[in-house]
């Protein structure tokens, strides 16, 4: 079902190279994201809250939520 679209997305990527400039850009982006939300702990909290929202949504994933309703740290 998803084979053709995914294959087409990969084809669009060409042959990406993960060089030193790419690594620097990735690190800079991650650091900017952390700073924009108040640091690493705040970013982790936001990630966990988003994951819990997905797990709490009606459907098959909601049955996998831990009994205490909290995401692991």
PDB file of N, CA and C in Angstrom:
ATOM      1  N   UNK A   1       0.819  -1.193   0.000  1.00  0.00           N
ATOM      2  CA  UNK A   1       0.000   0.000   0.000  1.00  0.00           C
ATOM      3  C   UNK A   1       0.867   1.264   0.000  1.00  0.00           C
ATOM      4  N   UNK A   2       1.875   1.309   0.865  1.00  0.00           N
ATOM      5  CA  UNK A   2       2.727   2.498   0.954  1.00  0.00           C
ATOM      6  C   UNK A   2       4.015   2.355   0.161  1.00  0.00           C
ATOM      7  N   UNK A   3       4.210   1.198  -0.442  1.00  0.00           N
ATOM      8  CA  UNK A   3       5.473   0.913  -1.126  1.00  0.00           C
ATOM      9  C   UNK A   3       5.806   1.957  -2.186  1.00  0.00           C
ATOM     10  N   UNK A   4       4.886   2.228  -3.086  1.00  0.00           N
ATOM     11  CA  UNK A   4       5.170   3.153  -4.188  1.00  0.00           C
ATOM     12  C   UNK A   4       5.464   4.572  -3.699  1.00  0.00           C
ATOM     13  N   UNK A   5       4.642   5.140  -2.805  1.00  0.00           N
ATOM     14  CA  UNK A   5       4.951   6.498  -2.355  1.00  0.00           C
ATOM     15  C   UNK A   5       6.296   6.580  -1.620  1.00  0.00           C
ATOM     16  N   UNK A   6       6.581   5.609  -0.785  1.00  0.00           N
ATOM     17  CA  UNK A   6       7.830   5.647  -0.029  1.00  0.00           C
ATOM     18  C   UNK A   6       9.014   5.516  -0.986  1.00  0.00           C
ATOM     19  N   UNK A   7       8.917   4.621  -1.940  1.00  0.00           N
ATOM     20  CA  UNK A   7       9.993   4.464  -2.920  1.00  0.00           C
ATOM     21  C   UNK A   7      10.204   5.766  -3.690  1.00  0.00           C
ATOM     22  N   UNK A   8       9.123   6.442  -4.035  1.00  0.00           N
ATOM     23  CA  UNK A   8       9.236   7.708  -4.759  1.00  0.00           C
ATOM     24  C   UNK A   8       9.900   8.780  -3.890  1.00  0.00           C
ATOM     25  N   UNK A   9       9.592   8.799  -2.582  1.00  0.00           N
ATOM     26  CA  UNK A   9      10.243   9.771  -1.682  1.00  0.00           C
ATOM     27  C   UNK A   9      11.743   9.499  -1.615  1.00  0.00           C
ATOM     28  N   UNK A  10      12.119   8.236  -1.497  1.00  0.00           N
ATOM     29  CA  UNK A  10      13.542   7.891  -1.453  1.00  0.00           C
ATOM     30  C   UNK A  10      14.225   8.274  -2.763  1.00  0.00           C
ATOM     31  N   UNK A  11      13.551   8.044  -3.896  1.00  0.00           N
ATOM     32  CA  UNK A  11      14.136   8.410  -5.185  1.00  0.00           C
ATOM     33  C   UNK A  11      14.372   9.919  -5.271  1.00  0.00           C
ATOM     34  N   UNK A  12      13.457  10.709  -4.706  1.00  0.00           N
ATOM     35  CA  UNK A  12      13.596  12.161  -4.722  1.00  0.00           C
ATOM     36  C   UNK A  12      14.810  12.635  -3.923  1.00  0.00           C
ATOM     37  N   UNK A  13      15.243  11.837  -2.951  1.00  0.00           N
ATOM     38  CA  UNK A  13      16.389  12.239  -2.129  1.00  0.00           C
ATOM     39  C   UNK A  13      17.705  12.184  -2.896  1.00  0.00           C
ATOM     40  N   UNK A  14      17.747  11.403  -3.931  1.00  0.00           N
ATOM     41  CA  UNK A  14      19.007  11.247  -4.653  1.00  0.00           C
ATOM     42  C   UNK A  14      19.990  10.466  -3.794  1.00  0.00           C
ATOM     43  N   UNK A  15      21.205  10.977  -3.681  1.00  0.00           N
ATOM     44  CA  UNK A  15      22.233  10.338  -2.859  1.00  0.00           C
ATOM     45  C   UNK A  15      22.717  11.341  -1.827  1.00  0.00           C
ATOM     46  N   UNK A  16      21.990  11.484  -0.715  1.00  0.00           N
ATOM     47  CA  UNK A  16      22.391  12.471   0.278  1.00  0.00           C
ATOM     48  C   UNK A  16      23.742  12.108   0.903  1.00  0.00           C
ATOM     49  N   UNK A  17      24.490  13.136   1.273  1.00  0.00           N
ATOM     50  CA  UNK A  17      25.789  12.953   1.910  1.00  0.00           C
ATOM     51  C   UNK A  17      25.720  13.570   3.297  1.00  0.00           C
ATOM     52  N   UNK A  18      26.136  12.809   4.286  1.00  0.00           N
ATOM     53  CA  UNK A  18      26.136  13.305   5.658  1.00  0.00           C
ATOM     54  C   UNK A  18      27.571  13.668   6.013  1.00  0.00           C
ATOM     55  N   UNK A  19      27.974  14.870   5.613  1.00  0.00           N
ATOM     56  CA  UNK A  19      29.345  15.319   5.829  1.00  0.00           C
ATOM     57  C   UNK A  19      29.428  16.237   7.045  1.00  0.00           C
ATOM     58  N   UNK A  20      30.595  16.824   7.259  1.00  0.00           N
ATOM     59  CA  UNK A  20      30.815  17.680   8.432  1.00  0.00           C
ATOM     60  C   UNK A  20      29.857  18.872   8.440  1.00  0.00           C
ATOM     61  N   UNK A  21      29.594  19.468   7.273  1.00  0.00           N
ATOM     62  CA  UNK A  21      28.657  20.601   7.214  1.00  0.00           C
ATOM     63  C   UNK A  21      27.250  20.172   7.589  1.00  0.00           C
ATOM     64  N   UNK A  22      26.840  18.989   7.138  1.00  0.00           N
ATOM     65  CA  UNK A  22      25.518  18.468   7.492  1.00  0.00           C
ATOM     66  C   UNK A  22      25.418  18.236   8.991  1.00  0.00           C
ATOM     67  N   UNK A  23      26.456  17.661   9.574  1.00  0.00           N
ATOM     68  CA  UNK A  23      26.467  17.415  11.020  1.00  0.00           C
ATOM     69  C   UNK A  23      26.367  18.716  11.790  1.00  0.00           C
ATOM     70  N   UNK A  24      27.145  19.728  11.363  1.00  0.00           N
ATOM     71  CA  UNK A  24      27.089  21.033  12.051  1.00  0.00           C
ATOM     72  C   UNK A  24      25.688  21.630  11.966  1.00  0.00           C
ATOM     73  N   UNK A  25      25.074  21.547  10.794  1.00  0.00           N
ATOM     74  CA  UNK A  25      23.723  22.094  10.614  1.00  0.00           C
ATOM     75  C   UNK A  25      22.719  21.354  11.482  1.00  0.00           C
ATOM     76  N   UNK A  26      22.855  20.039  11.570  1.00  0.00           N
ATOM     77  CA  UNK A  26      21.954  19.241  12.400  1.00  0.00           C
ATOM     78  C   UNK A  26      22.099  19.598  13.873  1.00  0.00           C
ATOM     79  N   UNK A  27      23.331  19.697  14.350  1.00  0.00           N
ATOM     80  CA  UNK A  27      23.581  20.058  15.745  1.00  0.00           C
ATOM     81  C   UNK A  27      23.065  21.465  16.031  1.00  0.00           C
ATOM     82  N   UNK A  28      23.338  22.404  15.130  1.00  0.00           N
ATOM     83  CA  UNK A  28      22.874  23.783  15.330  1.00  0.00           C
ATOM     84  C   UNK A  28      21.349  23.837  15.395  1.00  0.00           C
ATOM     85  N   UNK A  29      20.689  23.074  14.538  1.00  0.00           N
ATOM     86  CA  UNK A  29      19.224  23.042  14.559  1.00  0.00           C
ATOM     87  C   UNK A  29      18.689  22.463  15.849  1.00  0.00           C
ATOM     88  N   UNK A  30      19.303  21.400  16.331  1.00  0.00           N
ATOM     89  CA  UNK A  30      18.871  20.786  17.593  1.00  0.00           C
ATOM     90  C   UNK A  30      19.097  21.738  18.759  1.00  0.00           C
ATOM     91  N   UNK A  31      20.237  22.424  18.766  1.00  0.00           N
ATOM     92  CA  UNK A  31      20.519  23.380  19.845  1.00  0.00           C
ATOM     93  C   UNK A  31      19.550  24.559  19.803  1.00  0.00           C
ATOM     94  N   UNK A  32      19.210  25.026  18.609  1.00  0.00           N
ATOM     95  CA  UNK A  32      18.251  26.125  18.477  1.00  0.00           C
ATOM     96  C   UNK A  32      16.868  25.691  18.957  1.00  0.00           C
ATOM     97  N   UNK A  33      16.478  24.462  18.632  1.00  0.00           N
ATOM     98  CA  UNK A  33      15.184  23.950  19.088  1.00  0.00           C
ATOM     99  C   UNK A  33      15.158  23.869  20.610  1.00  0.00           C
ATOM    100  N   UNK A  34      16.211  23.318  21.205  1.00  0.00           N
ATOM    101  CA  UNK A  34      16.286  23.247  22.671  1.00  0.00           C
ATOM    102  C   UNK A  34      16.164  24.627  23.287  1.00  0.00           C
ATOM    103  N   UNK A  35      16.913  25.586  22.770  1.00  0.00           N
ATOM    104  CA  UNK A  35      16.892  26.944  23.316  1.00  0.00           C
ATOM    105  C   UNK A  35      15.516  27.585  23.180  1.00  0.00           C
ATOM    106  N   UNK A  36      14.811  27.277  22.084  1.00  0.00           N
ATOM    107  CA  UNK A  36      13.516  27.916  21.830  1.00  0.00           C
ATOM    108  C   UNK A  36      12.431  27.479  22.807  1.00  0.00           C
ATOM    109  N   UNK A  37      12.619  26.338  23.453  1.00  0.00           N
ATOM    110  CA  UNK A  37      11.601  25.848  24.392  1.00  0.00           C
ATOM    111  C   UNK A  37      12.061  25.903  25.847  1.00  0.00           C
ATOM    112  N   UNK A  38      13.264  26.424  26.084  1.00  0.00           N
ATOM    113  CA  UNK A  38      13.724  26.568  27.462  1.00  0.00           C
ATOM    114  C   UNK A  38      14.691  25.495  27.913  1.00  0.00           C
ATOM    115  N   UNK A  39      15.329  24.806  26.987  1.00  0.00           N
ATOM    116  CA  UNK A  39      16.352  23.836  27.345  1.00  0.00           C
ATOM    117  C   UNK A  39      15.949  22.401  27.066  1.00  0.00           C
ATOM    118  N   UNK A  40      16.917  21.517  27.300  1.00  0.00           N
ATOM    119  CA  UNK A  40      16.749  20.097  26.983  1.00  0.00           C
ATOM    120  C   UNK A  40      15.624  19.447  27.785  1.00  0.00           C
ATOM    121  N   UNK A  41      15.551  19.749  29.093  1.00  0.00           N
ATOM    122  CA  UNK A  41      14.505  19.134  29.912  1.00  0.00           C
ATOM    123  C   UNK A  41      13.113  19.546  29.439  1.00  0.00           C
ATOM    124  N   UNK A  42      12.971  20.820  29.064  1.00  0.00           N
ATOM    125  CA  UNK A  42      11.676  21.291  28.562  1.00  0.00           C
ATOM    126  C   UNK A  42      11.326  20.605  27.243  1.00  0.00           C
ATOM    127  N   UNK A  43      12.324  20.419  26.395  1.00  0.00           N
ATOM    128  CA  UNK A  43      12.091  19.744  25.118  1.00  0.00           C
ATOM    129  C   UNK A  43      11.667  18.292  25.350  1.00  0.00           C
ATOM    130  N   UNK A  44      12.311  17.628  26.288  1.00  0.00           N
ATOM    131  CA  UNK A  44      11.958  16.242  26.613  1.00  0.00           C
ATOM    132  C   UNK A  44      10.539  16.178  27.164  1.00  0.00           C
ATOM    133  N   UNK A  45      10.183  17.123  28.033  1.00  0.00           N
ATOM    134  CA  UNK A  45       8.808  17.153  28.568  1.00  0.00           C
ATOM    135  C   UNK A  45       7.794  17.329  27.442  1.00  0.00           C
ATOM    136  N   UNK A  46       8.082  18.251  26.527  1.00  0.00           N
ATOM    137  CA  UNK A  46       7.156  18.475  25.409  1.00  0.00           C
ATOM    138  C   UNK A  46       7.026  17.228  24.543  1.00  0.00           C
ATOM    139  N   UNK A  47       8.162  16.568  24.280  1.00  0.00           N
ATOM    140  CA  UNK A  47       8.115  15.339  23.494  1.00  0.00           C
ATOM    141  C   UNK A  47       7.247  14.301  24.186  1.00  0.00           C
ATOM    142  N   UNK A  48       7.459  14.129  25.508  1.00  0.00           N
ATOM    143  CA  UNK A  48       6.697  13.127  26.249  1.00  0.00           C
ATOM    144  C   UNK A  48       5.214  13.461  26.269  1.00  0.00           C
ATOM    145  N   UNK A  49       4.884  14.746  26.425  1.00  0.00           N
ATOM    146  CA  UNK A  49       3.473  15.149  26.409  1.00  0.00           C
ATOM    147  C   UNK A  49       2.840  14.853  25.053  1.00  0.00           C
ATOM    148  N   UNK A  50       3.585  15.101  23.979  1.00  0.00           N
ATOM    149  CA  UNK A  50       3.054  14.821  22.640  1.00  0.00           C
ATOM    150  C   UNK A  50       2.847  13.322  22.436  1.00  0.00           C
ATOM    151  N   UNK A  51       3.803  12.524  22.896  1.00  0.00           N
ATOM    152  CA  UNK A  51       3.658  11.070  22.773  1.00  0.00           C
ATOM    153  C   UNK A  51       2.476  10.563  23.589  1.00  0.00           C
ATOM    154  N   UNK A  52       2.296  11.109  24.792  1.00  0.00           N
ATOM    155  CA  UNK A  52       1.152  10.705  25.619  1.00  0.00           C
ATOM    156  C   UNK A  52      -0.166  11.084  24.951  1.00  0.00           C
ATOM    157  N   UNK A  53      -0.207  12.235  24.308  1.00  0.00           N
ATOM    158  CA  UNK A  53      -1.429  12.643  23.612  1.00  0.00           C
ATOM    159  C   UNK A  53      -1.772  11.645  22.515  1.00  0.00           C
ATOM    160  N   UNK A  54      -0.767  11.169  21.808  1.00  0.00           N
ATOM    161  CA  UNK A  54      -1.006  10.160  20.771  1.00  0.00           C
ATOM    162  C   UNK A  54      -1.504   8.870  21.405  1.00  0.00           C
ATOM    163  N   UNK A  55      -0.853   8.457  22.488  1.00  0.00           N
ATOM    164  CA  UNK A  55      -1.247   7.204  23.139  1.00  0.00           C
ATOM    165  C   UNK A  55      -2.645   7.281  23.745  1.00  0.00           C
ATOM    166  N   UNK A  56      -3.031   8.464  24.200  1.00  0.00           N
ATOM    167  CA  UNK A  56      -4.350   8.620  24.822  1.00  0.00           C
ATOM    168  C   UNK A  56      -5.472   8.750  23.798  1.00  0.00           C
ATOM    169  N   UNK A  57      -5.122   9.021  22.563  1.00  0.00           N
ATOM    170  CA  UNK A  57      -6.140   9.166  21.528  1.00  0.00           C
ATOM    171  C   UNK A  57      -6.870   7.835  21.362  1.00  0.00           C
ATOM    172  N   UNK A  58      -8.149   7.896  21.059  1.00  0.00           N
ATOM    173  CA  UNK A  58      -8.894   6.647  20.870  1.00  0.00           C
ATOM    174  C   UNK A  58      -8.248   5.794  19.789  1.00  0.00           C
ATOM    175  N   UNK A  59      -8.195   4.514  20.039  1.00  0.00           N
ATOM    176  CA  UNK A  59      -7.633   3.598  19.058  1.00  0.00           C
ATOM    177  C   UNK A  59      -6.748   2.556  19.715  1.00  0.00           C
ATOM    178  N   UNK A  60      -6.098   1.747  18.899  1.00  0.00           N
ATOM    179  CA  UNK A  60      -5.333   0.613  19.433  1.00  0.00           C
ATOM    180  C   UNK A  60      -4.140   1.013  20.284  1.00  0.00           C
ATOM    181  N   UNK A  61      -3.545   2.177  20.075  1.00  0.00           N
ATOM    182  CA  UNK A  61      -2.385   2.561  20.875  1.00  0.00           C
ATOM    183  C   UNK A  61      -2.765   2.926  22.303  1.00  0.00           C
ATOM    184  N   UNK A  62      -3.976   3.401  22.526  1.00  0.00           N
ATOM    185  CA  UNK A  62      -4.372   3.827  23.869  1.00  0.00           C
ATOM    186  C   UNK A  62      -4.340   2.655  24.852  1.00  0.00           C
ATOM    187  N   UNK A  63      -4.483   1.444  24.373  1.00  0.00           N
ATOM    188  CA  UNK A  63      -4.434   0.270  25.249  1.00  0.00           C
ATOM    189  C   UNK A  63      -3.018  -0.014  25.728  1.00  0.00           C
ATOM    190  N   UNK A  64      -2.011   0.585  25.098  1.00  0.00           N
ATOM    191  CA  UNK A  64      -0.615   0.337  25.466  1.00  0.00           C
ATOM    192  C   UNK A  64      -0.074   1.363  26.453  1.00  0.00           C
ATOM    193  N   UNK A  65      -0.883   2.295  26.871  1.00  0.00           N
ATOM    194  CA  UNK A  65      -0.445   3.326  27.811  1.00  0.00           C
ATOM    195  C   UNK A  65      -0.139   2.688  29.167  1.00  0.00           C
ATOM    196  N   UNK A  66       0.992   3.051  29.804  1.00  0.00           N
ATOM    197  CA  UNK A  66       1.297   2.507  31.126  1.00  0.00           C
ATOM    198  C   UNK A  66       0.165   2.775  32.107  1.00  0.00           C
ATOM    199  N   UNK A  67       0.013   1.907  33.069  1.00  0.00           N
ATOM    200  CA  UNK A  67      -1.088   2.021  34.028  1.00  0.00           C
ATOM    201  C   UNK A  67      -1.139   3.372  34.726  1.00  0.00           C
ATOM    202  N   UNK A  68       0.022   3.952  35.032  1.00  0.00           N
ATOM    203  CA  UNK A  68       0.023   5.233  35.734  1.00  0.00           C
ATOM    204  C   UNK A  68      -0.191   6.422  34.786  1.00  0.00           C
ATOM    205  N   UNK A  69      -0.265   6.157  33.483  1.00  0.00           N
ATOM    206  CA  UNK A  69      -0.541   7.207  32.501  1.00  0.00           C
ATOM    207  C   UNK A  69       0.637   8.097  32.201  1.00  0.00           C
ATOM    208  N   UNK A  70       1.817   7.763  32.744  1.00  0.00           N
ATOM    209  CA  UNK A  70       2.988   8.593  32.535  1.00  0.00           C
ATOM    210  C   UNK A  70       3.929   7.948  31.517  1.00  0.00           C
ATOM    211  N   UNK A  71       4.596   8.795  30.765  1.00  0.00           N
ATOM    212  CA  UNK A  71       5.606   8.299  29.824  1.00  0.00           C
ATOM    213  C   UNK A  71       6.905   8.081  30.589  1.00  0.00           C
ATOM    214  N   UNK A  72       7.697   7.103  30.188  1.00  0.00           N
ATOM    215  CA  UNK A  72       8.996   6.919  30.823  1.00  0.00           C
ATOM    216  C   UNK A  72       9.890   8.121  30.568  1.00  0.00           C
ATOM    217  N   UNK A  73      10.736   8.436  31.500  1.00  0.00           N
ATOM    218  CA  UNK A  73      11.657   9.572  31.348  1.00  0.00           C
ATOM    219  C   UNK A  73      12.832   9.199  30.480  1.00  0.00           C
TER     220      UNK A  73
END
